[in-house]
Amino acid sequence: MTFLSDDMASRPPLRGHISPAQSTLWLIAAKTTVFALGLAVPLLLVRRLPVREFGVYKQLFLLVDTAVVILPLGFALSAFFFFPREPERKAQVVRNILLVHMFMGAIGGVLVSVFPALPAALLSSPDLAAYAPEIGLVMLLLVGSSFVEFVAIANGEAHLAALFIGVSQVLRSGLFITAASLFGSVRALAYAAVVHGFLQCALMAWYVRSRFSAARWAPEWRLVRAQLAYALPLAYAGIIWWLQGWVHHYFVSHRYDAAVYAVYAVGCFQVPIMGVLVESVGYVAIRRASELRKRNETREIVRLAAQSVRTLAAVAFPLYALLLVTGREFITVLFTEQYRASWPIFAVYLTLVPLTIVFPACDAVFRACPEHLPFLVRVRTGLVTVLLAGLWIAVRRFDLVAPAAVVVGVTLVERVLLAGKVARILGMSWSDLAAFRGVARLGVAAAVAGLATALVRQILVGHTPGVTALAVLGIGAGTFAVLYAAAALALSVLTPQEQEAIRRWLSRRRRVAPRERAPETAPERGA
C-alpha cells in the first residue's frame, strides 16, 4: 500500500513564498476563530450543566488534552528541523510522523479502554470510568491526526495550517454546541468529541495525500532514529512544560470533588487570545529561527526575538492590566454568579499572561540550537521537582488559591533562567536591550491605563446603585482602550514603520470613501 511520495515532497506551497509576518497573520486569524468558537462552548455548558457535571466534563477533556500533548513525544516538531535541512526527504519525514502518532494514539486509547479504572484513579473521579471507551477512541483519533498543522507550517503553508485549525474548531464547536443544546449531558459531549476526531482524521488524510502521497508505509528506521534523537529531548522538555501548566489540575481534582474542581478550573481560565498569539508567533518563530541558524545569521535571530516579544507584549500587558481591574465582572458575566468564588484564583493565575511574552522567542532559539537543549532539560527537571513538592503542600494545607500561586512562582523562575540563557546563546550585550525599549513603554502605557480604569470601576461599583457586572465590564473595557491608546501614542510606542503603515491605510480609506458614497449622490437618469 502506498500513501506518501518522494516526488511530491518538494512541491511548493499553493501560494508561493509567504513571509513570517504573513504566516503569523494567517495563524492569528485562524486561532482567533478558535478563540471565538471555543469560548462559546464553556459559556453554554456552565448554563446547561450542573456544577458537578461541568467538573466531570472538564476532567474528561483534561485527560484527552493530556494525551494529545504527551503521547506524540514531540515527534511532529522534527519537521521544523529536517524540512529546511533535507527538503528532498520531506515525504519520509512525514510518513514517520504519521506512523508514530498513530502508534502512540493506539497505545493510549487501548490502555484507557481496557482499564477503565485508570482515568478514574488519576483524577479521583469514579464517574470517569463510565466514559472510558469514548475517552480511548478520542485519544486515538486526536493523537493520530494532531500533527497536521505542524507539518503544514514547517512546509511553508501557514495558510493551509490556518485553514485546518479553523475548520477543525468550527466542526468541534458546532458538534459540542449541538450536543449541549439538544441533550445537555456529558455523554453527548463525549460522542460529539468522537465525531470530531473522525472528521479531523479525514482532514489530515486529505492533506497528507495531496502533498506527500504514494510512498511505502514501512518506516525508514534510520530516519526515525534521527527524528527521535531530535524530538525526544524536546518532548521531555515539553512534558515538563506541560506539568508546569497542567499538573496542578490533577492535584486539585484528586484532592476535591468534581464540583470544587469546577470552581478551580474556571479560576484557571486561560484567556484564549493569548494562546492564539503565543502559538501563532511561536510556530513562525521556530521555523524562521531554524532557517537563520542554518545560515548562521545570529543578529537576525536577536531581531526576531525582539519582534516576537514586542508583538506579544502589545496584547499581554493591556490584557493583564484590564482583567486585573475588571476580573470579578469578567468571571461573573462569562460563567454566571455561581462561579464568583473563582475570582481570587483567577486574579493570581492571570499573572501568567505577561510571563508568556518571552516564551516563543526562547522556545525558537532552543529548537534552532539543539546543542543547548540539555540546559533546558536541567532547568525544567529541577523546577518540576519544586512544583510537585509545592503543589503537594499547597492542596493539603492551604485553600484553592495556593496551587495557582505555586504555578505562577515556578513559571516566573523558569522564564528568567531561560531568557538569560538565550541572551548568552545569541551573544547579546547591554546595547541589545535597546531593541526591547518598546516593550517597557507598552508596560508603562498598560499600567497608566489600568490605574485610571481602576478609579472608574471604583466609582461605578461604590457610587452607582444597581449597576450590573456587564455594564461595569463594558465601561471599564471602553475606558481602558481609550486610555491605553492615548498613553501608547504619548510614549511613542509605535515604530516609524508602523506609523507610516497606518498613515498609508488611512490614506487609502480616504481615497476609497468618496467612491463608496458616489452612487448615493449621483443624479437620477433623466433628471
Protein backbone atom coordinates (compact mmCIF):
# COMPACT_ATOMS: atom_id res chain seq x y z
CA MET A 1 0.00 0.00 0.00
CA THR A 2 1.26 3.47 -0.83
CA PHE A 3 0.49 6.70 0.93
CA LEU A 4 3.39 9.17 0.75
CA SER A 5 5.55 10.06 -2.22
CA ASP A 6 9.06 11.39 -2.67
CA ASP A 7 8.11 13.13 -5.90
CA MET A 8 5.58 15.25 -4.01
CA ALA A 9 7.99 16.10 -1.20
CA SER A 10 9.29 19.29 -2.69
CA ARG A 11 6.00 20.62 -4.07
CA PRO A 12 5.92 24.36 -3.34
CA PRO A 13 3.19 25.95 -1.26
CA LEU A 14 -0.01 26.73 -3.11
CA ARG A 15 0.52 30.49 -2.88
CA GLY A 16 4.26 30.67 -3.15
CA HIS A 17 6.57 32.16 -0.56
CA ILE A 18 4.89 33.70 2.47
CA SER A 19 6.81 36.00 4.78
CA PRO A 20 7.00 35.38 8.55
CA ALA A 21 4.66 38.32 9.16
CA GLN A 22 2.10 36.94 6.68
CA SER A 23 2.41 33.47 8.20
CA THR A 24 1.78 34.90 11.64
CA LEU A 25 -1.28 36.77 10.41
CA TRP A 26 -2.71 33.61 8.82
CA LEU A 27 -2.28 31.70 12.07
CA ILE A 28 -3.60 34.53 14.23
CA ALA A 29 -6.71 34.75 12.04
CA ALA A 30 -7.32 31.01 12.36
CA LYS A 31 -6.67 30.87 16.07
CA THR A 32 -8.86 33.91 16.64
CA THR A 33 -11.64 31.82 15.12
CA VAL A 34 -10.68 29.10 17.58
CA PHE A 35 -10.88 31.67 20.37
CA ALA A 36 -14.32 32.91 19.39
CA LEU A 37 -15.86 29.50 18.83
CA GLY A 38 -14.04 27.75 21.66
CA LEU A 39 -15.20 30.34 24.15
CA ALA A 40 -18.82 29.71 23.23
CA VAL A 41 -18.67 26.08 24.39
CA PRO A 42 -17.84 26.56 28.10
CA LEU A 43 -20.12 29.59 28.28
CA LEU A 44 -23.01 27.40 27.14
CA LEU A 45 -22.02 24.43 29.28
CA VAL A 46 -21.90 26.35 32.56
CA ARG A 47 -25.50 27.29 31.86
CA ARG A 48 -26.63 23.84 30.73
CA LEU A 49 -24.78 21.56 33.18
CA PRO A 50 -24.86 21.46 36.98
CA VAL A 51 -21.58 22.48 38.61
CA ARG A 52 -20.66 18.87 39.37
CA GLU A 53 -21.37 17.70 35.80
CA PHE A 54 -19.34 20.60 34.43
CA GLY A 55 -16.48 19.43 36.63
CA VAL A 56 -16.72 15.91 35.16
CA TYR A 57 -16.68 17.41 31.64
CA LYS A 58 -13.53 19.38 32.50
CA GLN A 59 -11.89 16.25 33.93
CA LEU A 60 -12.72 14.16 30.85
CA PHE A 61 -11.19 16.63 28.42
CA LEU A 62 -8.25 17.26 30.73
CA LEU A 63 -7.33 13.62 30.13
CA VAL A 64 -7.79 13.93 26.36
CA ASP A 65 -5.73 17.12 26.16
CA THR A 66 -3.02 15.46 28.24
CA ALA A 67 -2.85 12.57 25.79
CA VAL A 68 -2.62 14.90 22.77
CA VAL A 69 0.32 16.74 24.36
CA ILE A 70 2.29 13.83 25.82
CA LEU A 71 1.70 10.74 23.68
CA PRO A 72 3.14 12.03 20.36
CA LEU A 73 6.55 12.54 22.07
CA GLY A 74 7.03 15.84 20.24
CA PHE A 75 7.77 13.83 17.10
CA ALA A 76 5.93 16.19 14.72
CA LEU A 77 8.26 19.03 15.69
CA SER A 78 11.12 17.21 13.95
CA ALA A 79 9.61 18.53 10.71
CA PHE A 80 10.80 22.04 11.64
CA PHE A 81 14.37 20.75 11.87
CA PHE A 82 14.51 18.28 8.95
CA PHE A 83 12.43 20.09 6.31
CA PRO A 84 14.85 23.01 5.77
CA ARG A 85 17.93 20.77 6.07
CA GLU A 86 16.78 17.80 3.96
CA PRO A 87 13.97 19.04 1.71
CA GLU A 88 14.31 16.04 -0.58
CA ARG A 89 13.26 13.74 2.27
CA LYS A 90 10.09 15.52 3.36
CA ALA A 91 7.91 12.58 2.41
CA GLN A 92 9.87 10.18 4.58
CA VAL A 93 9.80 12.60 7.49
CA VAL A 94 6.02 13.00 7.26
CA ARG A 95 5.48 9.26 6.84
CA ASN A 96 7.40 8.56 10.04
CA ILE A 97 5.49 11.28 11.91
CA LEU A 98 2.19 9.79 10.79
CA LEU A 99 3.10 6.27 11.89
CA VAL A 100 4.46 7.36 15.28
CA HIS A 101 1.36 9.42 16.02
CA MET A 102 -0.96 6.57 15.04
CA PHE A 103 1.01 4.06 17.12
CA MET A 104 1.14 6.22 20.25
CA GLY A 105 -2.53 7.16 19.91
CA ALA A 106 -3.44 3.49 19.71
CA ILE A 107 -1.45 2.69 22.85
CA GLY A 108 -3.19 5.42 24.84
CA GLY A 109 -6.63 4.53 23.52
CA VAL A 110 -6.28 0.83 24.27
CA LEU A 111 -4.95 1.42 27.78
CA VAL A 112 -7.86 3.64 28.73
CA SER A 113 -10.47 1.37 27.11
CA VAL A 114 -9.14 -1.87 28.62
CA PHE A 115 -8.52 -0.38 32.07
CA PRO A 116 -11.46 2.00 32.69
CA ALA A 117 -10.43 2.42 36.32
CA LEU A 118 -7.26 4.19 35.18
CA PRO A 119 -8.78 7.59 34.30
CA ALA A 120 -11.00 7.41 37.39
CA ALA A 121 -7.97 6.79 39.60
CA LEU A 122 -5.86 9.56 38.05
CA LEU A 123 -8.40 12.23 38.91
CA SER A 124 -10.11 10.51 41.85
CA SER A 125 -13.40 10.72 39.94
CA PRO A 126 -15.36 7.43 39.72
CA ASP A 127 -17.70 8.99 37.14
CA LEU A 128 -14.95 8.91 34.50
CA ALA A 129 -14.88 5.10 34.34
CA ALA A 130 -18.23 5.11 32.53
CA TYR A 131 -16.73 7.20 29.72
CA ALA A 132 -13.54 5.13 29.24
CA PRO A 133 -14.44 3.74 25.75
CA GLU A 134 -15.20 7.21 24.40
CA ILE A 135 -12.08 8.67 26.01
CA GLY A 136 -9.92 5.94 24.48
CA LEU A 137 -11.35 6.39 20.99
CA VAL A 138 -10.99 10.18 21.12
CA MET A 139 -7.36 9.79 22.21
CA LEU A 140 -6.63 7.51 19.26
CA LEU A 141 -8.23 9.84 16.72
CA LEU A 142 -6.90 13.16 18.01
CA VAL A 143 -3.35 11.97 18.73
CA GLY A 144 -3.22 10.28 15.33
CA SER A 145 -4.16 13.47 13.48
CA SER A 146 -2.71 16.21 15.69
CA PHE A 147 0.49 16.63 13.67
CA VAL A 148 -1.02 18.15 10.52
CA GLU A 149 -0.74 21.83 11.44
CA PHE A 150 2.93 21.44 12.46
CA VAL A 151 3.79 19.76 9.16
CA ALA A 152 1.92 22.41 7.15
CA ILE A 153 3.74 25.26 8.92
CA ALA A 154 7.11 23.54 8.53
CA ASN A 155 6.30 23.10 4.82
CA GLY A 156 5.76 26.86 4.44
CA GLU A 157 1.98 26.55 4.12
CA ALA A 158 0.77 28.63 7.01
CA HIS A 159 -2.41 29.44 5.10
CA LEU A 160 -3.31 25.74 4.99
CA ALA A 161 -2.39 25.28 8.64
CA ALA A 162 -4.71 28.18 9.42
CA LEU A 163 -7.44 26.52 7.36
CA PHE A 164 -7.04 23.22 9.23
CA ILE A 165 -7.14 24.96 12.59
CA GLY A 166 -10.20 26.99 11.69
CA VAL A 167 -12.17 24.17 10.08
CA SER A 168 -11.38 21.76 12.91
CA GLN A 169 -12.53 24.25 15.54
CA VAL A 170 -15.70 25.11 13.62
CA LEU A 171 -16.56 21.41 13.47
CA ARG A 172 -15.69 20.83 17.13
CA SER A 173 -17.62 23.82 18.44
CA GLY A 174 -20.62 23.10 16.23
CA LEU A 175 -20.78 19.49 17.42
CA PHE A 176 -20.34 20.43 21.09
CA ILE A 177 -22.90 23.24 20.98
CA THR A 178 -25.40 20.96 19.25
CA ALA A 179 -24.83 18.17 21.78
CA ALA A 180 -25.12 20.57 24.73
CA SER A 181 -28.24 22.26 23.35
CA LEU A 182 -30.11 19.09 22.42
CA PHE A 183 -29.04 16.71 25.19
CA GLY A 184 -27.16 18.67 27.87
CA SER A 185 -25.14 15.70 29.11
CA VAL A 186 -21.50 14.70 29.42
CA ARG A 187 -22.25 11.53 27.43
CA ALA A 188 -23.49 13.56 24.47
CA LEU A 189 -20.35 15.72 24.63
CA ALA A 190 -18.17 12.59 24.61
CA TYR A 191 -19.95 11.33 21.47
CA ALA A 192 -19.50 14.75 19.85
CA ALA A 193 -15.77 14.52 20.56
CA VAL A 194 -15.61 11.12 18.82
CA VAL A 195 -17.31 12.50 15.70
CA HIS A 196 -14.93 15.48 15.72
CA GLY A 197 -11.98 13.09 15.94
CA PHE A 198 -13.09 11.21 12.82
CA LEU A 199 -13.56 14.47 10.90
CA GLN A 200 -10.12 15.75 11.94
CA CYS A 201 -8.57 12.48 10.75
CA ALA A 202 -10.27 13.00 7.38
CA LEU A 203 -8.70 16.47 7.11
CA MET A 204 -5.30 15.06 7.99
CA ALA A 205 -5.61 12.28 5.38
CA TRP A 206 -6.55 14.79 2.67
CA TYR A 207 -3.55 17.00 3.36
CA VAL A 208 -1.02 14.18 3.56
CA ARG A 209 -2.32 12.54 0.37
CA SER A 210 -2.33 15.86 -1.51
CA ARG A 211 1.23 16.79 -0.51
CA PHE A 212 3.09 13.56 0.24
CA SER A 213 1.17 10.76 -1.49
CA ALA A 214 2.24 7.36 -2.81
CA ALA A 215 5.22 6.19 -0.72
CA ARG A 216 5.57 2.95 1.20
CA TRP A 217 4.01 2.60 4.65
CA ALA A 218 7.14 0.91 6.02
CA PRO A 219 9.13 3.37 8.17
CA GLU A 220 12.72 4.28 7.38
CA TRP A 221 14.29 3.31 10.68
CA ARG A 222 17.49 5.27 10.23
CA LEU A 223 15.50 8.46 9.74
CA VAL A 224 13.14 7.51 12.59
CA ARG A 225 16.14 7.30 14.93
CA ALA A 226 17.41 10.68 13.74
CA GLN A 227 13.97 12.23 14.26
CA LEU A 228 13.72 10.67 17.70
CA ALA A 229 17.17 11.93 18.61
CA TYR A 230 15.99 15.44 17.81
CA ALA A 231 12.45 15.15 19.18
CA LEU A 232 12.88 13.23 22.44
CA PRO A 233 14.83 15.90 24.36
CA LEU A 234 12.24 18.43 23.18
CA ALA A 235 9.44 16.03 24.08
CA TYR A 236 10.86 15.59 27.57
CA ALA A 237 11.15 19.36 27.98
CA GLY A 238 7.63 19.69 26.58
CA ILE A 239 6.26 17.18 29.06
CA ILE A 240 7.92 19.07 31.87
CA TRP A 241 6.41 22.27 30.47
CA TRP A 242 3.01 20.58 30.39
CA LEU A 243 3.46 19.50 34.00
CA GLN A 244 4.15 23.12 34.94
CA GLY A 245 0.95 24.26 33.27
CA TRP A 246 -1.49 21.42 33.94
CA VAL A 247 -0.43 19.01 36.67
CA HIS A 248 -1.96 21.31 39.30
CA HIS A 249 -5.36 20.39 37.85
CA TYR A 250 -4.67 16.75 38.72
CA PHE A 251 -3.64 17.65 42.28
CA VAL A 252 -6.77 19.72 42.88
CA SER A 253 -9.09 17.23 41.19
CA HIS A 254 -7.63 14.36 43.20
CA ARG A 255 -8.00 16.29 46.45
CA TYR A 256 -11.52 17.70 45.96
CA ASP A 257 -14.74 16.55 44.35
CA ALA A 258 -15.87 17.45 40.84
CA ALA A 259 -17.93 20.47 41.97
CA VAL A 260 -14.99 22.11 43.78
CA TYR A 261 -12.71 21.29 40.87
CA ALA A 262 -15.14 23.06 38.53
CA VAL A 263 -14.69 26.28 40.55
CA TYR A 264 -10.91 25.89 40.42
CA ALA A 265 -10.93 25.15 36.69
CA VAL A 266 -12.90 28.33 35.99
CA GLY A 267 -10.44 30.29 38.13
CA CYS A 268 -7.61 28.91 35.99
CA PHE A 269 -9.38 30.04 32.85
CA GLN A 270 -6.74 30.88 30.26
CA VAL A 271 -7.66 33.90 28.17
CA PRO A 272 -7.79 32.30 24.72
CA ILE A 273 -6.48 35.27 22.76
CA MET A 274 -3.07 34.88 24.43
CA GLY A 275 -2.94 31.23 23.46
CA VAL A 276 -3.79 32.30 19.91
CA LEU A 277 -0.93 34.81 19.79
CA VAL A 278 1.67 32.69 21.59
CA GLU A 279 1.12 29.68 19.34
CA SER A 280 0.93 31.73 16.14
CA VAL A 281 4.05 33.78 16.88
CA GLY A 282 5.82 30.71 18.25
CA TYR A 283 5.28 28.41 15.26
CA VAL A 284 6.54 31.03 12.83
CA ALA A 285 9.48 31.98 15.08
CA ILE A 286 10.58 28.34 15.33
CA ARG A 287 10.63 27.94 11.55
CA ARG A 288 12.33 31.30 10.96
CA ALA A 289 14.94 30.77 13.68
CA SER A 290 15.87 27.36 12.22
CA GLU A 291 16.41 28.95 8.80
CA LEU A 292 18.51 31.78 10.26
CA ARG A 293 20.59 29.38 12.33
CA LYS A 294 21.30 27.31 9.22
CA ARG A 295 22.69 30.49 7.59
CA ASN A 296 24.46 31.48 10.83
CA GLU A 297 22.64 34.85 10.97
CA THR A 298 22.70 35.33 14.74
CA ARG A 299 21.93 39.05 14.68
CA GLU A 300 18.76 38.37 12.73
CA ILE A 301 17.70 35.88 15.40
CA VAL A 302 18.13 38.63 18.01
CA ARG A 303 15.88 40.90 15.96
CA LEU A 304 13.38 38.08 15.52
CA ALA A 305 13.31 37.52 19.30
CA ALA A 306 12.78 41.22 20.00
CA GLN A 307 9.99 41.39 17.45
CA SER A 308 8.16 38.38 18.91
CA VAL A 309 8.44 39.71 22.49
CA ARG A 310 7.14 43.13 21.46
CA THR A 311 4.27 41.64 19.46
CA LEU A 312 3.07 39.64 22.45
CA ALA A 313 3.64 42.45 24.94
CA ALA A 314 1.37 44.74 22.91
CA VAL A 315 -1.53 42.45 23.84
CA ALA A 316 -0.39 40.74 27.05
CA PHE A 317 0.30 43.88 29.09
CA PRO A 318 -3.01 45.67 28.44
CA LEU A 319 -4.97 42.43 28.76
CA TYR A 320 -3.39 41.71 32.14
CA ALA A 321 -3.99 45.23 33.43
CA LEU A 322 -7.61 45.32 32.25
CA LEU A 323 -8.57 41.91 33.68
CA LEU A 324 -6.81 42.61 36.94
CA VAL A 325 -9.16 45.58 37.35
CA THR A 326 -12.39 44.07 35.94
CA GLY A 327 -11.77 40.39 36.63
CA ARG A 328 -14.67 39.96 39.08
CA GLU A 329 -17.13 41.18 36.48
CA PHE A 330 -15.39 39.18 33.75
CA ILE A 331 -15.86 35.90 35.66
CA THR A 332 -19.46 36.72 36.59
CA VAL A 333 -20.51 37.70 33.06
CA LEU A 334 -18.85 34.71 31.40
CA PHE A 335 -19.52 31.95 33.91
CA THR A 336 -22.52 33.22 35.92
CA GLU A 337 -22.77 34.19 39.57
CA GLN A 338 -22.35 30.60 40.79
CA TYR A 339 -18.64 30.75 39.85
CA ARG A 340 -17.92 34.07 41.59
CA ALA A 341 -15.76 32.18 44.10
CA SER A 342 -13.30 31.59 41.23
CA TRP A 343 -12.19 35.25 41.22
CA PRO A 344 -9.29 35.04 43.75
CA ILE A 345 -7.86 32.07 41.86
CA PHE A 346 -8.25 33.92 38.56
CA ALA A 347 -6.51 37.03 39.93
CA VAL A 348 -3.41 35.01 40.82
CA TYR A 349 -3.39 32.76 37.75
CA LEU A 350 -3.77 35.80 35.49
CA THR A 351 -0.12 36.67 36.22
CA LEU A 352 0.86 34.00 33.69
CA VAL A 353 -0.33 36.33 30.90
CA PRO A 354 2.61 38.81 31.00
CA LEU A 355 5.01 35.93 31.60
CA THR A 356 4.16 34.46 28.20
CA ILE A 357 5.84 37.20 26.19
CA VAL A 358 9.33 35.64 26.29
CA PHE A 359 8.24 32.03 25.75
CA PRO A 360 8.07 31.87 21.91
CA ALA A 361 11.45 33.58 21.49
CA CYS A 362 13.15 31.26 24.00
CA ASP A 363 11.48 28.19 22.55
CA ALA A 364 12.52 29.10 19.00
CA VAL A 365 16.16 29.60 19.97
CA PHE A 366 16.40 26.30 21.84
CA ARG A 367 14.80 24.41 18.95
CA ALA A 368 17.12 26.07 16.45
CA CYS A 369 20.17 25.36 18.68
CA PRO A 370 19.57 21.79 19.91
CA GLU A 371 23.07 21.59 21.40
CA HIS A 372 21.76 23.78 24.23
CA LEU A 373 18.75 21.59 24.98
CA PRO A 374 20.46 19.90 27.96
CA PHE A 375 20.28 23.23 29.80
CA LEU A 376 16.57 23.48 29.10
CA VAL A 377 16.07 19.93 30.31
CA ARG A 378 18.03 20.52 33.52
CA VAL A 379 16.16 23.72 34.36
CA ARG A 380 12.72 22.21 33.81
CA THR A 381 13.60 18.98 35.60
CA GLY A 382 14.73 20.89 38.66
CA LEU A 383 11.75 23.20 38.64
CA VAL A 384 9.20 20.44 38.18
CA THR A 385 10.52 18.83 41.36
CA VAL A 386 9.91 22.12 43.17
CA LEU A 387 6.49 22.38 41.54
CA LEU A 388 5.34 18.91 42.59
CA ALA A 389 6.51 19.42 46.15
CA GLY A 390 4.88 22.84 46.31
CA LEU A 391 1.56 21.56 44.95
CA TRP A 392 1.55 18.63 47.36
CA ILE A 393 1.90 21.05 50.29
CA ALA A 394 -0.49 23.64 48.81
CA VAL A 395 -3.50 21.35 48.30
CA ARG A 396 -3.21 19.88 51.79
CA ARG A 397 -2.53 22.94 53.91
CA PHE A 398 -3.99 25.94 52.07
CA ASP A 399 -7.01 26.99 50.04
CA LEU A 400 -7.53 26.82 46.28
CA VAL A 401 -5.51 29.98 45.63
CA ALA A 402 -2.27 28.31 46.79
CA PRO A 403 -1.86 25.81 43.89
CA ALA A 404 -2.29 28.64 41.37
CA ALA A 405 0.32 30.72 43.23
CA VAL A 406 2.79 27.82 43.13
CA VAL A 407 2.37 27.50 39.35
CA VAL A 408 2.92 31.23 38.81
CA GLY A 409 6.02 31.32 41.00
CA VAL A 410 7.69 28.36 39.28
CA THR A 411 6.87 29.78 35.84
CA LEU A 412 8.42 33.13 36.75
CA VAL A 413 11.69 31.50 37.82
CA GLU A 414 11.79 29.40 34.65
CA ARG A 415 11.25 32.33 32.29
CA VAL A 416 14.01 34.37 33.96
CA LEU A 417 16.50 31.49 33.72
CA LEU A 418 15.69 30.66 30.09
CA ALA A 419 15.76 34.28 28.94
CA GLY A 420 19.21 34.69 30.49
CA LYS A 421 20.48 31.57 28.74
CA VAL A 422 19.07 32.68 25.37
CA ALA A 423 20.83 36.03 25.76
CA ARG A 424 24.13 34.16 26.24
CA ILE A 425 23.48 31.81 23.31
CA LEU A 426 22.91 34.77 21.00
CA GLY A 427 25.83 36.73 22.40
CA MET A 428 23.62 39.63 23.40
CA SER A 429 25.14 42.67 25.11
CA TRP A 430 23.61 45.51 27.12
CA SER A 431 23.34 47.53 23.91
CA ASP A 432 20.93 44.92 22.52
CA LEU A 433 18.41 45.87 25.18
CA ALA A 434 17.61 48.91 23.07
CA ALA A 435 15.68 46.56 20.76
CA PHE A 436 13.33 45.84 23.69
CA ARG A 437 12.72 49.50 24.63
CA GLY A 438 9.26 49.37 23.11
CA VAL A 439 8.30 46.52 25.47
CA ALA A 440 8.95 48.70 28.52
CA ARG A 441 6.88 51.52 27.03
CA LEU A 442 3.99 49.13 26.43
CA GLY A 443 4.16 48.12 30.09
CA VAL A 444 4.04 51.75 31.25
CA ALA A 445 1.09 52.50 28.96
CA ALA A 446 -0.84 49.49 30.29
CA ALA A 447 -0.09 50.44 33.91
CA VAL A 448 -1.29 54.03 33.43
CA ALA A 449 -4.50 52.88 31.71
CA GLY A 450 -5.07 50.20 34.36
CA LEU A 451 -4.78 52.59 37.30
CA ALA A 452 -7.17 55.08 35.72
CA THR A 453 -9.66 52.32 34.88
CA ALA A 454 -9.50 51.08 38.48
CA LEU A 455 -10.65 54.50 39.66
CA VAL A 456 -13.53 54.46 37.17
CA ARG A 457 -14.56 50.99 38.34
CA GLN A 458 -14.45 52.07 41.98
CA ILE A 459 -16.79 54.95 41.19
CA LEU A 460 -19.20 52.69 39.31
CA VAL A 461 -19.29 49.95 41.95
CA GLY A 462 -19.25 52.20 45.01
CA HIS A 463 -21.45 55.10 43.91
CA THR A 464 -23.80 53.74 41.23
CA PRO A 465 -26.55 51.62 42.81
CA GLY A 466 -27.89 48.81 40.66
CA VAL A 467 -25.06 48.85 38.14
CA THR A 468 -24.70 45.41 36.54
CA ALA A 469 -21.50 43.41 36.11
CA LEU A 470 -21.88 43.61 32.33
CA ALA A 471 -22.11 47.42 32.47
CA VAL A 472 -19.01 47.67 34.68
CA LEU A 473 -17.11 45.36 32.35
CA GLY A 474 -18.17 47.24 29.22
CA ILE A 475 -17.48 50.73 30.60
CA GLY A 476 -14.18 49.57 32.08
CA ALA A 477 -13.04 48.00 28.80
CA GLY A 478 -14.01 51.10 26.81
CA THR A 479 -12.26 53.42 29.23
CA PHE A 480 -9.14 51.28 29.27
CA ALA A 481 -8.96 51.07 25.46
CA VAL A 482 -9.08 54.84 25.04
CA LEU A 483 -6.54 55.49 27.80
CA TYR A 484 -4.18 52.75 26.60
CA ALA A 485 -4.20 54.08 23.04
CA ALA A 486 -3.57 57.62 24.29
CA ALA A 487 -0.72 56.51 26.55
CA ALA A 488 0.83 54.44 23.78
CA LEU A 489 0.78 57.42 21.43
CA ALA A 490 2.19 59.74 24.11
CA LEU A 491 5.05 57.32 24.78
CA SER A 492 5.80 56.85 21.04
CA VAL A 493 5.27 53.11 21.26
CA LEU A 494 4.69 52.75 17.51
CA THR A 495 7.79 52.48 15.32
CA PRO A 496 8.17 54.87 12.35
CA GLN A 497 7.43 51.96 10.01
CA GLU A 498 4.21 51.17 11.86
CA GLN A 499 3.17 54.82 11.86
CA GLU A 500 3.79 55.01 8.13
CA ALA A 501 1.77 51.84 7.54
CA ILE A 502 -1.17 53.33 9.49
CA ARG A 503 -0.93 56.58 7.50
CA ARG A 504 -0.97 54.66 4.23
CA TRP A 505 -4.00 52.66 5.35
CA LEU A 506 -5.89 55.81 6.38
CA SER A 507 -4.92 57.48 3.11
CA ARG A 508 -6.32 54.55 1.14
CA ARG A 509 -9.54 54.70 3.14
CA ARG A 510 -9.94 58.41 2.39
CA ARG A 511 -9.46 57.78 -1.33
CA VAL A 512 -11.97 54.91 -1.32
CA ALA A 513 -14.65 56.66 0.77
CA PRO A 514 -15.81 59.15 -1.92
CA ARG A 515 -16.22 56.36 -4.45
CA GLU A 516 -18.25 54.35 -1.92
CA ARG A 517 -20.63 57.34 -1.48
CA ALA A 518 -20.84 58.19 -5.20
CA PRO A 519 -23.94 56.08 -6.06
CA GLU A 520 -25.90 57.84 -3.30
CA THR A 521 -25.21 61.35 -4.65
CA ALA A 522 -25.37 60.70 -8.40
CA PRO A 523 -28.42 62.30 -10.09
CA GLU A 524 -31.10 60.03 -11.41
CA ARG A 525 -31.31 59.37 -15.11
CA GLY A 526 -33.44 61.90 -16.95
CA ALA A 527 -33.36 64.47 -14.17
